[in-house]
PDB file of N, CA and C in Angstrom:
ATOM      1  N   UNK A   1     -12.817  -0.942 -14.512  1.00  0.00           N
ATOM      2  CA  UNK A   1     -11.537  -1.329 -15.056  1.00  0.00           C
ATOM      3  C   UNK A   1     -10.687  -0.079 -15.309  1.00  0.00           C
ATOM      4  N   UNK A   2      -9.422  -0.199 -15.132  1.00  0.00           N
ATOM      5  CA  UNK A   2      -8.515   0.917 -15.383  1.00  0.00           C
ATOM      6  C   UNK A   2      -8.442   1.227 -16.866  1.00  0.00           C
ATOM      7  N   UNK A   3      -8.456   2.504 -17.197  1.00  0.00           N
ATOM      8  CA  UNK A   3      -8.024   2.894 -18.527  1.00  0.00           C
ATOM      9  C   UNK A   3      -6.516   2.741 -18.519  1.00  0.00           C
ATOM     10  N   UNK A   4      -5.950   2.297 -19.618  1.00  0.00           N
ATOM     11  CA  UNK A   4      -4.505   2.095 -19.664  1.00  0.00           C
ATOM     12  C   UNK A   4      -3.784   3.381 -19.291  1.00  0.00           C
ATOM     13  N   UNK A   5      -4.298   4.503 -19.767  1.00  0.00           N
ATOM     14  CA  UNK A   5      -3.626   5.765 -19.488  1.00  0.00           C
ATOM     15  C   UNK A   5      -3.695   6.122 -17.999  1.00  0.00           C
ATOM     16  N   UNK A   6      -4.794   5.763 -17.302  1.00  0.00           N
ATOM     17  CA  UNK A   6      -4.920   6.063 -15.875  1.00  0.00           C
ATOM     18  C   UNK A   6      -3.903   5.281 -15.063  1.00  0.00           C
ATOM     19  N   UNK A   7      -3.852   3.985 -15.265  1.00  0.00           N
ATOM     20  CA  UNK A   7      -2.912   3.149 -14.509  1.00  0.00           C
ATOM     21  C   UNK A   7      -1.478   3.561 -14.812  1.00  0.00           C
ATOM     22  N   UNK A   8      -1.180   3.765 -16.072  1.00  0.00           N
ATOM     23  CA  UNK A   8       0.182   4.127 -16.450  1.00  0.00           C
ATOM     24  C   UNK A   8       0.553   5.498 -15.921  1.00  0.00           C
ATOM     25  N   UNK A   9      -0.392   6.450 -15.961  1.00  0.00           N
ATOM     26  CA  UNK A   9      -0.117   7.787 -15.437  1.00  0.00           C
ATOM     27  C   UNK A   9       0.174   7.736 -13.941  1.00  0.00           C
ATOM     28  N   UNK A  10      -0.593   6.944 -13.207  1.00  0.00           N
ATOM     29  CA  UNK A  10      -0.354   6.800 -11.770  1.00  0.00           C
ATOM     30  C   UNK A  10       0.992   6.166 -11.477  1.00  0.00           C
ATOM     31  N   UNK A  11       1.316   5.109 -12.205  1.00  0.00           N
ATOM     32  CA  UNK A  11       2.609   4.446 -12.013  1.00  0.00           C
ATOM     33  C   UNK A  11       3.762   5.355 -12.407  1.00  0.00           C
ATOM     34  N   UNK A  12       3.593   6.089 -13.507  1.00  0.00           N
ATOM     35  CA  UNK A  12       4.630   7.035 -13.927  1.00  0.00           C
ATOM     36  C   UNK A  12       4.888   8.078 -12.846  1.00  0.00           C
ATOM     37  N   UNK A  13       3.806   8.587 -12.235  1.00  0.00           N
ATOM     38  CA  UNK A  13       3.946   9.582 -11.174  1.00  0.00           C
ATOM     39  C   UNK A  13       4.692   8.986  -9.981  1.00  0.00           C
ATOM     40  N   UNK A  14       4.312   7.803  -9.559  1.00  0.00           N
ATOM     41  CA  UNK A  14       4.990   7.177  -8.419  1.00  0.00           C
ATOM     42  C   UNK A  14       6.464   6.932  -8.707  1.00  0.00           C
ATOM     43  N   UNK A  15       6.762   6.463  -9.906  1.00  0.00           N
ATOM     44  CA  UNK A  15       8.166   6.215 -10.256  1.00  0.00           C
ATOM     45  C   UNK A  15       8.959   7.518 -10.370  1.00  0.00           C
ATOM     46  N   UNK A  16       8.319   8.579 -10.862  1.00  0.00           N
ATOM     47  CA  UNK A  16       8.996   9.871 -10.927  1.00  0.00           C
ATOM     48  C   UNK A  16       9.272  10.409  -9.525  1.00  0.00           C
ATOM     49  N   UNK A  17       8.281  10.297  -8.628  1.00  0.00           N
ATOM     50  CA  UNK A  17       8.495  10.729  -7.242  1.00  0.00           C
ATOM     51  C   UNK A  17       9.615   9.922  -6.593  1.00  0.00           C
ATOM     52  N   UNK A  18       9.662   8.630  -6.904  1.00  0.00           N
ATOM     53  CA  UNK A  18      10.715   7.782  -6.366  1.00  0.00           C
ATOM     54  C   UNK A  18      12.082   8.243  -6.858  1.00  0.00           C
ATOM     55  N   UNK A  19      12.200   8.528  -8.134  1.00  0.00           N
ATOM     56  CA  UNK A  19      13.470   9.004  -8.693  1.00  0.00           C
ATOM     57  C   UNK A  19      13.871  10.334  -8.068  1.00  0.00           C
ATOM     58  N   UNK A  20      12.903  11.249  -7.939  1.00  0.00           N
ATOM     59  CA  UNK A  20      13.199  12.566  -7.375  1.00  0.00           C
ATOM     60  C   UNK A  20      13.604  12.474  -5.906  1.00  0.00           C
ATOM     61  N   UNK A  21      13.138  11.445  -5.217  1.00  0.00           N
ATOM     62  CA  UNK A  21      13.469  11.288  -3.795  1.00  0.00           C
ATOM     63  C   UNK A  21      14.763  10.521  -3.583  1.00  0.00           C
ATOM     64  N   UNK A  22      15.413  10.108  -4.659  1.00  0.00           N
ATOM     65  CA  UNK A  22      16.622   9.298  -4.520  1.00  0.00           C
ATOM     66  C   UNK A  22      16.304   7.849  -4.224  1.00  0.00           C
ATOM     67  N   UNK A  23      15.226   7.359  -4.792  1.00  0.00           N
ATOM     68  CA  UNK A  23      14.775   5.962  -4.632  1.00  0.00           C
ATOM     69  C   UNK A  23      14.438   5.629  -3.183  1.00  0.00           C
ATOM     70  N   UNK A  24      13.733   6.530  -2.524  1.00  0.00           N
ATOM     71  CA  UNK A  24      13.347   6.301  -1.133  1.00  0.00           C
ATOM     72  C   UNK A  24      11.936   5.741  -1.002  1.00  0.00           C
ATOM     73  N   UNK A  25      11.236   5.550  -2.103  1.00  0.00           N
ATOM     74  CA  UNK A  25       9.907   4.946  -2.070  1.00  0.00           C
ATOM     75  C   UNK A  25      10.042   3.450  -2.298  1.00  0.00           C
ATOM     76  N   UNK A  26       9.131   2.699  -1.718  1.00  0.00           N
ATOM     77  CA  UNK A  26       9.007   1.275  -1.996  1.00  0.00           C
ATOM     78  C   UNK A  26       7.745   1.143  -2.835  1.00  0.00           C
ATOM     79  N   UNK A  27       7.879   0.664  -4.057  1.00  0.00           N
ATOM     80  CA  UNK A  27       6.747   0.516  -4.971  1.00  0.00           C
ATOM     81  C   UNK A  27       6.800  -0.879  -5.566  1.00  0.00           C
ATOM     82  N   UNK A  28       5.691  -1.607  -5.446  1.00  0.00           N
ATOM     83  CA  UNK A  28       5.584  -2.925  -6.078  1.00  0.00           C
ATOM     84  C   UNK A  28       4.211  -3.040  -6.713  1.00  0.00           C
ATOM     85  N   UNK A  29       4.182  -3.683  -7.852  1.00  0.00           N
ATOM     86  CA  UNK A  29       2.916  -3.919  -8.535  1.00  0.00           C
ATOM     87  C   UNK A  29       2.770  -5.399  -8.859  1.00  0.00           C
ATOM     88  N   UNK A  30       1.542  -5.813  -9.001  1.00  0.00           N
ATOM     89  CA  UNK A  30       1.211  -7.167  -9.444  1.00  0.00           C
ATOM     90  C   UNK A  30       0.278  -6.996 -10.638  1.00  0.00           C
ATOM     91  N   UNK A  31       0.576  -7.675 -11.725  1.00  0.00           N
ATOM     92  CA  UNK A  31      -0.260  -7.598 -12.923  1.00  0.00           C
ATOM     93  C   UNK A  31      -0.809  -8.978 -13.246  1.00  0.00           C
ATOM     94  N   UNK A  32      -1.896  -8.995 -14.010  1.00  0.00           N
ATOM     95  CA  UNK A  32      -2.475 -10.269 -14.417  1.00  0.00           C
ATOM     96  C   UNK A  32      -1.854 -10.739 -15.726  1.00  0.00           C
ATOM     97  N   UNK A  33      -2.380 -11.825 -16.267  1.00  0.00           N
ATOM     98  CA  UNK A  33      -1.814 -12.396 -17.494  1.00  0.00           C
ATOM     99  C   UNK A  33      -1.950 -11.474 -18.705  1.00  0.00           C
ATOM    100  N   UNK A  34      -2.850 -10.500 -18.626  1.00  0.00           N
ATOM    101  CA  UNK A  34      -3.008  -9.524 -19.714  1.00  0.00           C
ATOM    102  C   UNK A  34      -2.231  -8.237 -19.435  1.00  0.00           C
ATOM    103  N   UNK A  35      -1.372  -8.266 -18.424  1.00  0.00           N
ATOM    104  CA  UNK A  35      -0.544  -7.140 -18.026  1.00  0.00           C
ATOM    105  C   UNK A  35      -1.368  -5.961 -17.494  1.00  0.00           C
ATOM    106  N   UNK A  36      -2.542  -6.266 -16.919  1.00  0.00           N
ATOM    107  CA  UNK A  36      -3.366  -5.245 -16.276  1.00  0.00           C
ATOM    108  C   UNK A  36      -3.059  -5.226 -14.785  1.00  0.00           C
ATOM    109  N   UNK A  37      -3.050  -4.062 -14.214  1.00  0.00           N
ATOM    110  CA  UNK A  37      -2.717  -3.891 -12.808  1.00  0.00           C
ATOM    111  C   UNK A  37      -3.735  -4.586 -11.914  1.00  0.00           C
ATOM    112  N   UNK A  38      -3.258  -5.507 -11.065  1.00  0.00           N
ATOM    113  CA  UNK A  38      -4.112  -6.172 -10.076  1.00  0.00           C
ATOM    114  C   UNK A  38      -3.992  -5.508  -8.717  1.00  0.00           C
ATOM    115  N   UNK A  39      -2.800  -5.167  -8.333  1.00  0.00           N
ATOM    116  CA  UNK A  39      -2.617  -4.499  -7.056  1.00  0.00           C
ATOM    117  C   UNK A  39      -1.296  -3.739  -7.029  1.00  0.00           C
ATOM    118  N   UNK A  40      -1.241  -2.827  -6.102  1.00  0.00           N
ATOM    119  CA  UNK A  40      -0.118  -1.913  -5.986  1.00  0.00           C
ATOM    120  C   UNK A  40       0.121  -1.638  -4.510  1.00  0.00           C
ATOM    121  N   UNK A  41       1.370  -1.651  -4.096  1.00  0.00           N
ATOM    122  CA  UNK A  41       1.758  -1.291  -2.727  1.00  0.00           C
ATOM    123  C   UNK A  41       2.815  -0.214  -2.826  1.00  0.00           C
ATOM    124  N   UNK A  42       2.664   0.860  -2.055  1.00  0.00           N
ATOM    125  CA  UNK A  42       3.723   1.855  -2.003  1.00  0.00           C
ATOM    126  C   UNK A  42       3.881   2.386  -0.587  1.00  0.00           C
ATOM    127  N   UNK A  43       5.150   2.637  -0.258  1.00  0.00           N
ATOM    128  CA  UNK A  43       5.529   3.111   1.067  1.00  0.00           C
ATOM    129  C   UNK A  43       6.613   4.163   0.859  1.00  0.00           C
ATOM    130  N   UNK A  44       6.414   5.341   1.417  1.00  0.00           N
ATOM    131  CA  UNK A  44       7.479   6.334   1.315  1.00  0.00           C
ATOM    132  C   UNK A  44       8.290   6.352   2.606  1.00  0.00           C
ATOM    133  N   UNK A  45       9.327   7.141   2.642  1.00  0.00           N
ATOM    134  CA  UNK A  45      10.229   7.156   3.788  1.00  0.00           C
ATOM    135  C   UNK A  45       9.522   7.595   5.065  1.00  0.00           C
ATOM    136  N   UNK A  46       8.638   8.554   4.953  1.00  0.00           N
ATOM    137  CA  UNK A  46       7.901   9.023   6.140  1.00  0.00           C
ATOM    138  C   UNK A  46       7.023   7.899   6.702  1.00  0.00           C
ATOM    139  N   UNK A  47       6.376   7.131   5.814  1.00  0.00           N
ATOM    140  CA  UNK A  47       5.561   5.988   6.256  1.00  0.00           C
ATOM    141  C   UNK A  47       6.433   4.950   6.955  1.00  0.00           C
ATOM    142  N   UNK A  48       7.578   4.682   6.368  1.00  0.00           N
ATOM    143  CA  UNK A  48       8.488   3.691   6.935  1.00  0.00           C
ATOM    144  C   UNK A  48       8.972   4.117   8.326  1.00  0.00           C
ATOM    145  N   UNK A  49       9.313   5.376   8.466  1.00  0.00           N
ATOM    146  CA  UNK A  49       9.764   5.877   9.769  1.00  0.00           C
ATOM    147  C   UNK A  49       8.633   5.795  10.796  1.00  0.00           C
ATOM    148  N   UNK A  50       7.411   6.131  10.380  1.00  0.00           N
ATOM    149  CA  UNK A  50       6.263   6.039  11.294  1.00  0.00           C
ATOM    150  C   UNK A  50       6.053   4.586  11.723  1.00  0.00           C
ATOM    151  N   UNK A  51       6.160   3.650  10.782  1.00  0.00           N
ATOM    152  CA  UNK A  51       5.980   2.245  11.118  1.00  0.00           C
ATOM    153  C   UNK A  51       7.063   1.766  12.090  1.00  0.00           C
ATOM    154  N   UNK A  52       8.292   2.158  11.857  1.00  0.00           N
ATOM    155  CA  UNK A  52       9.378   1.733  12.731  1.00  0.00           C
ATOM    156  C   UNK A  52       9.172   2.225  14.167  1.00  0.00           C
ATOM    157  N   UNK A  53       8.530   3.388  14.311  1.00  0.00           N
ATOM    158  CA  UNK A  53       8.305   3.953  15.642  1.00  0.00           C
ATOM    159  C   UNK A  53       6.984   3.534  16.288  1.00  0.00           C
ATOM    160  N   UNK A  54       5.957   3.296  15.471  1.00  0.00           N
ATOM    161  CA  UNK A  54       4.612   3.090  16.024  1.00  0.00           C
ATOM    162  C   UNK A  54       3.890   1.884  15.426  1.00  0.00           C
ATOM    163  N   UNK A  55       4.608   0.937  14.859  1.00  0.00           N
ATOM    164  CA  UNK A  55       3.986  -0.153  14.115  1.00  0.00           C
ATOM    165  C   UNK A  55       3.655  -1.406  14.893  1.00  0.00           C
ATOM    166  N   UNK A  56       3.349  -1.288  16.155  1.00  0.00           N
ATOM    167  CA  UNK A  56       2.997  -2.482  16.928  1.00  0.00           C
ATOM    168  C   UNK A  56       1.644  -3.058  16.499  1.00  0.00           C
ATOM    169  N   UNK A  57       0.685  -2.171  16.220  1.00  0.00           N
ATOM    170  CA  UNK A  57      -0.651  -2.586  15.804  1.00  0.00           C
ATOM    171  C   UNK A  57      -0.959  -1.890  14.494  1.00  0.00           C
ATOM    172  N   UNK A  58      -1.406  -2.672  13.493  1.00  0.00           N
ATOM    173  CA  UNK A  58      -1.692  -2.120  12.175  1.00  0.00           C
ATOM    174  C   UNK A  58      -3.125  -2.462  11.770  1.00  0.00           C
ATOM    175  N   UNK A  59      -4.022  -1.464  11.733  1.00  0.00           N
ATOM    176  CA  UNK A  59      -5.346  -1.708  11.165  1.00  0.00           C
ATOM    177  C   UNK A  59      -5.235  -1.821   9.636  1.00  0.00           C
ATOM    178  N   UNK A  60      -5.882  -2.792   9.072  1.00  0.00           N
ATOM    179  CA  UNK A  60      -5.840  -3.075   7.638  1.00  0.00           C
ATOM    180  C   UNK A  60      -7.278  -3.047   7.154  1.00  0.00           C
ATOM    181  N   UNK A  61      -7.715  -1.903   6.604  1.00  0.00           N
ATOM    182  CA  UNK A  61      -9.124  -1.687   6.263  1.00  0.00           C
ATOM    183  C   UNK A  61      -9.293  -1.559   4.762  1.00  0.00           C
ATOM    184  N   UNK A  62     -10.129  -2.395   4.190  1.00  0.00           N
ATOM    185  CA  UNK A  62     -10.346  -2.377   2.735  1.00  0.00           C
ATOM    186  C   UNK A  62     -11.740  -1.891   2.362  1.00  0.00           C
ATOM    187  N   UNK A  63     -12.401  -1.175   3.241  1.00  0.00           N
ATOM    188  CA  UNK A  63     -13.789  -0.808   2.963  1.00  0.00           C
ATOM    189  C   UNK A  63     -13.928   0.455   2.131  1.00  0.00           C
ATOM    190  N   UNK A  64     -12.878   1.180   1.904  1.00  0.00           N
ATOM    191  CA  UNK A  64     -12.942   2.433   1.161  1.00  0.00           C
ATOM    192  C   UNK A  64     -12.979   2.137  -0.333  1.00  0.00           C
ATOM    193  N   UNK A  65     -14.139   2.308  -0.983  1.00  0.00           N
ATOM    194  CA  UNK A  65     -14.297   1.991  -2.403  1.00  0.00           C
ATOM    195  C   UNK A  65     -14.997   3.100  -3.170  1.00  0.00           C
ATOM    196  N   UNK A  66     -14.779   4.309  -2.815  1.00  0.00           N
ATOM    197  CA  UNK A  66     -15.488   5.385  -3.492  1.00  0.00           C
ATOM    198  C   UNK A  66     -14.689   5.971  -4.646  1.00  0.00           C
ATOM    199  N   UNK A  67     -13.593   5.327  -5.015  1.00  0.00           N
ATOM    200  CA  UNK A  67     -12.825   5.846  -6.139  1.00  0.00           C
ATOM    201  C   UNK A  67     -13.507   5.471  -7.459  1.00  0.00           C
ATOM    202  N   UNK A  68     -13.030   6.017  -8.505  1.00  0.00           N
ATOM    203  CA  UNK A  68     -13.627   5.851  -9.830  1.00  0.00           C
ATOM    204  C   UNK A  68     -13.758   4.388 -10.263  1.00  0.00           C
ATOM    205  N   UNK A  69     -12.867   3.549  -9.807  1.00  0.00           N
ATOM    206  CA  UNK A  69     -12.833   2.158 -10.249  1.00  0.00           C
ATOM    207  C   UNK A  69     -13.421   1.199  -9.235  1.00  0.00           C
ATOM    208  N   UNK A  70     -13.973   1.717  -8.148  1.00  0.00           N
ATOM    209  CA  UNK A  70     -14.567   0.920  -7.087  1.00  0.00           C
ATOM    210  C   UNK A  70     -13.584  -0.153  -6.609  1.00  0.00           C
ATOM    211  N   UNK A  71     -12.321   0.220  -6.569  1.00  0.00           N
ATOM    212  CA  UNK A  71     -11.270  -0.678  -6.083  1.00  0.00           C
ATOM    213  C   UNK A  71     -11.038  -0.415  -4.606  1.00  0.00           C
ATOM    214  N   UNK A  72     -10.856  -1.462  -3.826  1.00  0.00           N
ATOM    215  CA  UNK A  72     -10.493  -1.231  -2.430  1.00  0.00           C
ATOM    216  C   UNK A  72      -9.161  -0.493  -2.339  1.00  0.00           C
ATOM    217  N   UNK A  73      -9.176   0.584  -1.612  1.00  0.00           N
ATOM    218  CA  UNK A  73      -7.980   1.348  -1.300  1.00  0.00           C
ATOM    219  C   UNK A  73      -7.621   0.989   0.129  1.00  0.00           C
ATOM    220  N   UNK A  74      -6.405   0.589   0.367  1.00  0.00           N
ATOM    221  CA  UNK A  74      -6.006   0.062   1.665  1.00  0.00           C
ATOM    222  C   UNK A  74      -4.944   0.958   2.292  1.00  0.00           C
ATOM    223  N   UNK A  75      -5.338   1.829   3.199  1.00  0.00           N
ATOM    224  CA  UNK A  75      -4.316   2.548   3.948  1.00  0.00           C
ATOM    225  C   UNK A  75      -3.883   1.701   5.141  1.00  0.00           C
ATOM    226  N   UNK A  76      -2.606   1.474   5.290  1.00  0.00           N
ATOM    227  CA  UNK A  76      -2.071   0.798   6.472  1.00  0.00           C
ATOM    228  C   UNK A  76      -1.730   1.908   7.454  1.00  0.00           C
ATOM    229  N   UNK A  77      -2.400   1.921   8.582  1.00  0.00           N
ATOM    230  CA  UNK A  77      -2.287   3.043   9.506  1.00  0.00           C
ATOM    231  C   UNK A  77      -1.947   2.572  10.915  1.00  0.00           C
ATOM    232  N   UNK A  78      -1.713   3.525  11.765  1.00  0.00           N
ATOM    233  CA  UNK A  78      -1.473   3.263  13.177  1.00  0.00           C
ATOM    234  C   UNK A  78      -1.706   4.527  13.962  1.00  0.00           C
ATOM    235  N   UNK A  79      -1.291   4.526  15.220  1.00  0.00           N
ATOM    236  CA  UNK A  79      -1.482   5.674  16.096  1.00  0.00           C
ATOM    237  C   UNK A  79      -0.139   6.000  16.743  1.00  0.00           C
ATOM    238  N   UNK A  80       0.215   7.289  16.720  1.00  0.00           N
ATOM    239  CA  UNK A  80       1.498   7.693  17.315  1.00  0.00           C
ATOM    240  C   UNK A  80       1.341   8.018  18.801  1.00  0.00           C
ATOM    241  N   UNK A  81       2.391   8.511  19.409  1.00  0.00           N
ATOM    242  CA  UNK A  81       2.415   8.815  20.835  1.00  0.00           C
ATOM    243  C   UNK A  81       1.576  10.039  21.212  1.00  0.00           C
ATOM    244  N   UNK A  82       1.021  10.739  20.232  1.00  0.00           N
ATOM    245  CA  UNK A  82       0.116  11.858  20.484  1.00  0.00           C
ATOM    246  C   UNK A  82      -1.330  11.470  20.186  1.00  0.00           C
ATOM    247  N   UNK A  83      -1.566  10.167  20.027  1.00  0.00           N
ATOM    248  CA  UNK A  83      -2.890   9.614  19.704  1.00  0.00           C
ATOM    249  C   UNK A  83      -3.409  10.128  18.367  1.00  0.00           C
ATOM    250  N   UNK A  84      -2.506  10.392  17.452  1.00  0.00           N
ATOM    251  CA  UNK A  84      -2.871  10.828  16.097  1.00  0.00           C
ATOM    252  C   UNK A  84      -2.592   9.708  15.106  1.00  0.00           C
ATOM    253  N   UNK A  85      -3.402   9.663  14.080  1.00  0.00           N
ATOM    254  CA  UNK A  85      -3.212   8.643  13.046  1.00  0.00           C
ATOM    255  C   UNK A  85      -1.929   8.902  12.266  1.00  0.00           C
ATOM    256  N   UNK A  86      -1.230   7.827  11.977  1.00  0.00           N
ATOM    257  CA  UNK A  86      -0.050   7.879  11.111  1.00  0.00           C
ATOM    258  C   UNK A  86      -0.231   6.824  10.026  1.00  0.00           C
ATOM    259  N   UNK A  87       0.381   7.055   8.897  1.00  0.00           N
ATOM    260  CA  UNK A  87       0.234   6.165   7.752  1.00  0.00           C
ATOM    261  C   UNK A  87       1.507   5.359   7.572  1.00  0.00           C
ATOM    262  N   UNK A  88       1.339   4.040   7.405  1.00  0.00           N
ATOM    263  CA  UNK A  88       2.465   3.131   7.219  1.00  0.00           C
ATOM    264  C   UNK A  88       2.629   2.685   5.768  1.00  0.00           C
ATOM    265  N   UNK A  89       1.707   3.039   4.922  1.00  0.00           N
ATOM    266  CA  UNK A  89       1.775   2.648   3.515  1.00  0.00           C
ATOM    267  C   UNK A  89       0.380   2.541   2.939  1.00  0.00           C
ATOM    268  N   UNK A  90       0.329   2.277   1.641  1.00  0.00           N
ATOM    269  CA  UNK A  90      -0.946   2.212   0.928  1.00  0.00           C
ATOM    270  C   UNK A  90      -0.949   1.041  -0.034  1.00  0.00           C
ATOM    271  N   UNK A  91      -2.141   0.614  -0.380  1.00  0.00           N
ATOM    272  CA  UNK A  91      -2.281  -0.400  -1.426  1.00  0.00           C
ATOM    273  C   UNK A  91      -3.588  -0.156  -2.171  1.00  0.00           C
ATOM    274  N   UNK A  92      -3.590  -0.539  -3.421  1.00  0.00           N
ATOM    275  CA  UNK A  92      -4.804  -0.645  -4.227  1.00  0.00           C
ATOM    276  C   UNK A  92      -4.917  -2.103  -4.605  1.00  0.00           C
ATOM    277  N   UNK A  93      -6.133  -2.629  -4.572  1.00  0.00           N
ATOM    278  CA  UNK A  93      -6.306  -4.024  -4.935  1.00  0.00           C
ATOM    279  C   UNK A  93      -7.508  -4.184  -5.851  1.00  0.00           C
ATOM    280  N   UNK A  94      -7.350  -5.055  -6.833  1.00  0.00           N
ATOM    281  CA  UNK A  94      -8.385  -5.267  -7.837  1.00  0.00           C
ATOM    282  C   UNK A  94      -9.604  -5.938  -7.237  1.00  0.00           C
ATOM    283  N   UNK A  95      -9.396  -6.939  -6.400  1.00  0.00           N
ATOM    284  CA  UNK A  95     -10.498  -7.635  -5.744  1.00  0.00           C
ATOM    285  C   UNK A  95     -10.021  -8.117  -4.386  1.00  0.00           C
ATOM    286  N   UNK A  96     -10.896  -8.782  -3.675  1.00  0.00           N
ATOM    287  CA  UNK A  96     -10.573  -9.178  -2.315  1.00  0.00           C
ATOM    288  C   UNK A  96     -10.411 -10.695  -2.169  1.00  0.00           C
ATOM    289  N   UNK A  97      -9.776 -11.318  -3.135  1.00  0.00           N
ATOM    290  CA  UNK A  97      -9.458 -12.741  -3.029  1.00  0.00           C
ATOM    291  C   UNK A  97      -8.311 -12.938  -2.043  1.00  0.00           C
ATOM    292  N   UNK A  98      -8.292 -14.088  -1.419  1.00  0.00           N
ATOM    293  CA  UNK A  98      -7.251 -14.389  -0.426  1.00  0.00           C
ATOM    294  C   UNK A  98      -5.855 -14.224  -1.000  1.00  0.00           C
ATOM    295  N   UNK A  99      -5.650 -14.617  -2.248  1.00  0.00           N
ATOM    296  CA  UNK A  99      -4.315 -14.518  -2.848  1.00  0.00           C
ATOM    297  C   UNK A  99      -3.865 -13.067  -2.972  1.00  0.00           C
ATOM    298  N   UNK A 100      -4.796 -12.158  -3.215  1.00  0.00           N
ATOM    299  CA  UNK A 100      -4.454 -10.725  -3.299  1.00  0.00           C
ATOM    300  C   UNK A 100      -4.068 -10.206  -1.920  1.00  0.00           C
ATOM    301  N   UNK A 101      -4.847 -10.557  -0.887  1.00  0.00           N
ATOM    302  CA  UNK A 101      -4.496 -10.158   0.473  1.00  0.00           C
ATOM    303  C   UNK A 101      -3.112 -10.682   0.845  1.00  0.00           C
ATOM    304  N   UNK A 102      -2.846 -11.930   0.526  1.00  0.00           N
ATOM    305  CA  UNK A 102      -1.546 -12.516   0.843  1.00  0.00           C
ATOM    306  C   UNK A 102      -0.430 -11.756   0.147  1.00  0.00           C
ATOM    307  N   UNK A 103      -0.619 -11.450  -1.132  1.00  0.00           N
ATOM    308  CA  UNK A 103       0.408 -10.719  -1.878  1.00  0.00           C
ATOM    309  C   UNK A 103       0.641  -9.345  -1.253  1.00  0.00           C
ATOM    310  N   UNK A 104      -0.451  -8.634  -0.953  1.00  0.00           N
ATOM    311  CA  UNK A 104      -0.323  -7.293  -0.387  1.00  0.00           C
ATOM    312  C   UNK A 104       0.379  -7.342   0.969  1.00  0.00           C
ATOM    313  N   UNK A 105      -0.030  -8.239   1.835  1.00  0.00           N
ATOM    314  CA  UNK A 105       0.596  -8.301   3.156  1.00  0.00           C
ATOM    315  C   UNK A 105       2.054  -8.727   3.083  1.00  0.00           C
ATOM    316  N   UNK A 106       2.369  -9.699   2.225  1.00  0.00           N
ATOM    317  CA  UNK A 106       3.778 -10.109   2.052  1.00  0.00           C
ATOM    318  C   UNK A 106       4.611  -8.963   1.493  1.00  0.00           C
ATOM    319  N   UNK A 107       4.063  -8.278   0.506  1.00  0.00           N
ATOM    320  CA  UNK A 107       4.785  -7.184  -0.140  1.00  0.00           C
ATOM    321  C   UNK A 107       4.952  -6.010   0.809  1.00  0.00           C
ATOM    322  N   UNK A 108       3.893  -5.670   1.537  1.00  0.00           N
ATOM    323  CA  UNK A 108       3.977  -4.583   2.498  1.00  0.00           C
ATOM    324  C   UNK A 108       5.015  -4.922   3.571  1.00  0.00           C
ATOM    325  N   UNK A 109       5.021  -6.161   4.039  1.00  0.00           N
ATOM    326  CA  UNK A 109       6.001  -6.578   5.034  1.00  0.00           C
ATOM    327  C   UNK A 109       7.421  -6.424   4.502  1.00  0.00           C
ATOM    328  N   UNK A 110       7.631  -6.794   3.228  1.00  0.00           N
ATOM    329  CA  UNK A 110       8.946  -6.587   2.597  1.00  0.00           C
ATOM    330  C   UNK A 110       9.320  -5.108   2.622  1.00  0.00           C
ATOM    331  N   UNK A 111       8.349  -4.250   2.326  1.00  0.00           N
ATOM    332  CA  UNK A 111       8.601  -2.814   2.263  1.00  0.00           C
ATOM    333  C   UNK A 111       8.940  -2.179   3.591  1.00  0.00           C
ATOM    334  N   UNK A 112       8.498  -2.789   4.689  1.00  0.00           N
ATOM    335  CA  UNK A 112       8.810  -2.236   6.014  1.00  0.00           C
ATOM    336  C   UNK A 112       9.964  -3.001   6.665  1.00  0.00           C
ATOM    337  N   UNK A 113      10.766  -3.645   5.848  1.00  0.00           N
ATOM    338  CA  UNK A 113      11.980  -4.293   6.351  1.00  0.00           C
ATOM    339  C   UNK A 113      11.746  -5.639   7.005  1.00  0.00           C
ATOM    340  N   UNK A 114      10.659  -6.311   6.640  1.00  0.00           N
ATOM    341  CA  UNK A 114      10.327  -7.640   7.187  1.00  0.00           C
ATOM    342  C   UNK A 114      10.203  -7.644   8.704  1.00  0.00           C
ATOM    343  N   UNK A 115       9.740  -6.513   9.244  1.00  0.00           N
ATOM    344  CA  UNK A 115       9.475  -6.398  10.679  1.00  0.00           C
ATOM    345  C   UNK A 115       7.969  -6.498  10.883  1.00  0.00           C
ATOM    346  N   UNK A 116       7.462  -7.681  11.268  1.00  0.00           N
ATOM    347  CA  UNK A 116       6.008  -7.827  11.398  1.00  0.00           C
ATOM    348  C   UNK A 116       5.477  -7.055  12.602  1.00  0.00           C
ATOM    349  N   UNK A 117       4.257  -6.540  12.480  1.00  0.00           N
ATOM    350  CA  UNK A 117       3.646  -5.908  13.644  1.00  0.00           C
ATOM    351  C   UNK A 117       3.245  -6.985  14.650  1.00  0.00           C
ATOM    352  N   UNK A 118       2.991  -6.574  15.874  1.00  0.00           N
ATOM    353  CA  UNK A 118       2.528  -7.534  16.874  1.00  0.00           C
ATOM    354  C   UNK A 118       1.095  -7.964  16.562  1.00  0.00           C
ATOM    355  N   UNK A 119       0.292  -7.047  15.983  1.00  0.00           N
ATOM    356  CA  UNK A 119      -1.108  -7.324  15.692  1.00  0.00           C
ATOM    357  C   UNK A 119      -1.527  -6.635  14.405  1.00  0.00           C
ATOM    358  N   UNK A 120      -2.344  -7.330  13.606  1.00  0.00           N
ATOM    359  CA  UNK A 120      -3.007  -6.720  12.455  1.00  0.00           C
ATOM    360  C   UNK A 120      -4.512  -6.815  12.716  1.00  0.00           C
ATOM    361  N   UNK A 121      -5.205  -5.702  12.587  1.00  0.00           N
ATOM    362  CA  UNK A 121      -6.647  -5.669  12.780  1.00  0.00           C
ATOM    363  C   UNK A 121      -7.286  -5.462  11.412  1.00  0.00           C
ATOM    364  N   UNK A 122      -8.260  -6.285  11.074  1.00  0.00           N
ATOM    365  CA  UNK A 122      -8.948  -6.153   9.795  1.00  0.00           C
ATOM    366  C   UNK A 122     -10.432  -6.402   9.976  1.00  0.00           C
ATOM    367  N   UNK A 123     -11.204  -6.044   8.954  1.00  0.00           N
ATOM    368  CA  UNK A 123     -12.651  -6.240   9.055  1.00  0.00           C
ATOM    369  C   UNK A 123     -12.992  -7.623   8.679  1.00  0.00           C
TER     370      UNK A 123
END
């Protein structure tokens, strides 16, 4: 479970970076009935530009759980014209219920201008 200070410190940092960038980050959070963070999606301008250029296929992998809270960390990635990985955005999710996946994918799609990829690959 998140310590209140950990979640708030992370959100404060993201919001500060957003302000310093002139509001060029896309940040959305979902909280539960106790106001605890359930999931988070963020996309910066570089991620958005990469998605606009190379976002035909998006691998969506939630297997990375080595963080302190054993929360799935979801990098939305792709491959550019040099066969190198590019990042289209990130998410943290509390659990892997269908409703959380739906929220993350809907929110991420909003963040990339409602331009769906041709394919999403997931485990």
